[in-house]
């Protein structure tokens, strides 16, 4: 799985280059993100600008990554399309994850 990576200060910005974050790629996605963040878990922004769909497996993977951060840093999701944002709202995962409309807003939230 290809993930575009950008680092700014203490923030890893990851943009998965897939259209669907579902059961077919969830395990690969988790492994790739885990490799990318390594031990540097200060802050993570996952940019959803290329993702059109997420299912429960993808959501479970995001929860697992959030737990992996274990309070050592922030995890922010940005650029969710309306359907994905609605799914986060309906499942009340918007109370668990910090959601931002775009990458700039996510960086502002981290005061960078």
Protein backbone atom coordinates (compact mmCIF):
# COMPACT_ATOMS: atom_id res chain seq x y z
CA UNK A 1 0.00 0.00 0.00
CA UNK A 2 1.32 3.42 -0.93
CA UNK A 3 1.14 6.13 1.69
CA UNK A 4 2.40 9.60 0.93
CA UNK A 5 4.38 10.87 3.90
CA UNK A 6 5.27 14.38 4.94
CA UNK A 7 6.94 15.47 8.14
CA UNK A 8 6.61 18.94 9.62
CA UNK A 9 8.34 19.58 12.91
CA UNK A 10 6.96 16.91 15.29
CA UNK A 11 4.07 15.90 13.02
CA UNK A 12 3.79 12.97 10.63
CA UNK A 13 1.24 13.68 7.89
CA UNK A 14 0.12 10.53 6.11
CA UNK A 15 -2.06 10.45 3.01
CA UNK A 16 -3.14 6.91 2.06
CA UNK A 17 -3.15 6.61 -1.72
CA UNK A 18 -6.20 4.34 -1.83
CA UNK A 19 -9.82 5.08 -2.63
CA UNK A 20 -11.27 2.58 -0.14
CA UNK A 21 -10.12 1.93 3.41
CA UNK A 22 -11.90 -1.38 3.89
CA UNK A 23 -11.26 -4.97 4.96
CA UNK A 24 -9.18 -5.66 1.85
CA UNK A 25 -6.51 -3.11 2.86
CA UNK A 26 -7.03 -2.55 6.61
CA UNK A 27 -4.20 -4.81 7.81
CA UNK A 28 -1.79 -3.50 5.19
CA UNK A 29 -2.77 0.07 6.07
CA UNK A 30 -2.10 -0.53 9.77
CA UNK A 31 1.30 -2.09 9.06
CA UNK A 32 2.28 0.75 6.72
CA UNK A 33 1.22 3.48 9.16
CA UNK A 34 2.94 1.71 12.06
CA UNK A 35 6.15 1.58 10.01
CA UNK A 36 5.83 5.23 9.07
CA UNK A 37 5.34 6.53 12.59
CA UNK A 38 7.81 4.12 14.19
CA UNK A 39 8.65 5.28 17.68
CA UNK A 40 8.02 8.91 16.78
CA UNK A 41 4.44 9.16 18.03
CA UNK A 42 4.24 12.85 18.89
CA UNK A 43 1.52 13.83 16.42
CA UNK A 44 -0.13 12.14 13.48
CA UNK A 45 -2.40 13.63 10.83
CA UNK A 46 -4.15 11.19 8.50
CA UNK A 47 -5.26 13.02 5.38
CA UNK A 48 -8.38 11.40 3.88
CA UNK A 49 -8.36 13.52 0.72
CA UNK A 50 -7.89 10.46 -1.53
CA UNK A 51 -10.23 8.11 0.38
CA UNK A 52 -13.83 7.81 -0.83
CA UNK A 53 -15.05 5.02 1.47
CA UNK A 54 -14.29 3.49 4.86
CA UNK A 55 -15.90 0.44 6.43
CA UNK A 56 -15.84 -0.99 9.97
CA UNK A 57 -12.47 -2.67 9.34
CA UNK A 58 -10.92 0.64 8.36
CA UNK A 59 -12.51 2.31 11.36
CA UNK A 60 -11.22 -0.45 13.63
CA UNK A 61 -7.75 0.07 12.25
CA UNK A 62 -7.92 3.79 13.04
CA UNK A 63 -9.02 2.98 16.61
CA UNK A 64 -6.09 0.58 16.92
CA UNK A 65 -3.67 3.26 15.70
CA UNK A 66 -5.14 5.76 18.16
CA UNK A 67 -4.56 3.27 20.99
CA UNK A 68 -1.02 2.75 19.72
CA UNK A 69 -0.42 6.48 20.21
CA UNK A 70 -1.29 5.76 23.86
CA UNK A 71 -1.60 9.38 24.93
CA UNK A 72 1.94 10.20 23.75
CA UNK A 73 0.68 12.37 20.94
CA UNK A 74 -2.30 13.63 19.01
CA UNK A 75 -4.01 11.90 16.11
CA UNK A 76 -6.09 14.07 13.80
CA UNK A 77 -8.09 13.01 10.75
CA UNK A 78 -8.60 15.60 8.04
CA UNK A 79 -10.21 16.11 4.65
CA UNK A 80 -13.00 13.57 5.19
CA UNK A 81 -15.61 13.59 2.44
CA UNK A 82 -19.24 14.20 3.57
CA UNK A 83 -20.13 10.49 3.56
CA UNK A 84 -17.17 9.50 5.70
CA UNK A 85 -17.71 12.46 8.03
CA UNK A 86 -21.36 11.45 8.41
CA UNK A 87 -20.33 7.88 9.28
CA UNK A 88 -18.04 9.22 12.03
CA UNK A 89 -20.93 11.31 13.36
CA UNK A 90 -23.48 8.46 13.25
CA UNK A 91 -21.12 6.07 15.03
CA UNK A 92 -20.15 8.84 17.47
CA UNK A 93 -16.52 8.31 16.56
CA UNK A 94 -16.34 12.07 16.07
CA UNK A 95 -16.18 12.16 19.88
CA UNK A 96 -13.14 9.87 19.86
CA UNK A 97 -11.21 11.31 16.92
CA UNK A 98 -10.33 14.92 16.25
CA UNK A 99 -11.67 15.78 12.80
CA UNK A 100 -10.61 18.77 10.71
CA UNK A 101 -11.91 19.97 7.36
CA UNK A 102 -8.42 20.17 5.82
CA UNK A 103 -4.70 19.76 6.46
CA UNK A 104 -4.16 23.45 7.27
CA UNK A 105 -6.84 23.31 9.99
CA UNK A 106 -5.24 20.19 11.46
CA UNK A 107 -1.84 21.88 11.59
CA UNK A 108 -3.42 24.97 13.16
CA UNK A 109 -5.01 22.76 15.81
CA UNK A 110 -1.53 21.51 16.66
CA UNK A 111 -0.30 25.13 16.77
CA UNK A 112 2.24 24.67 13.97
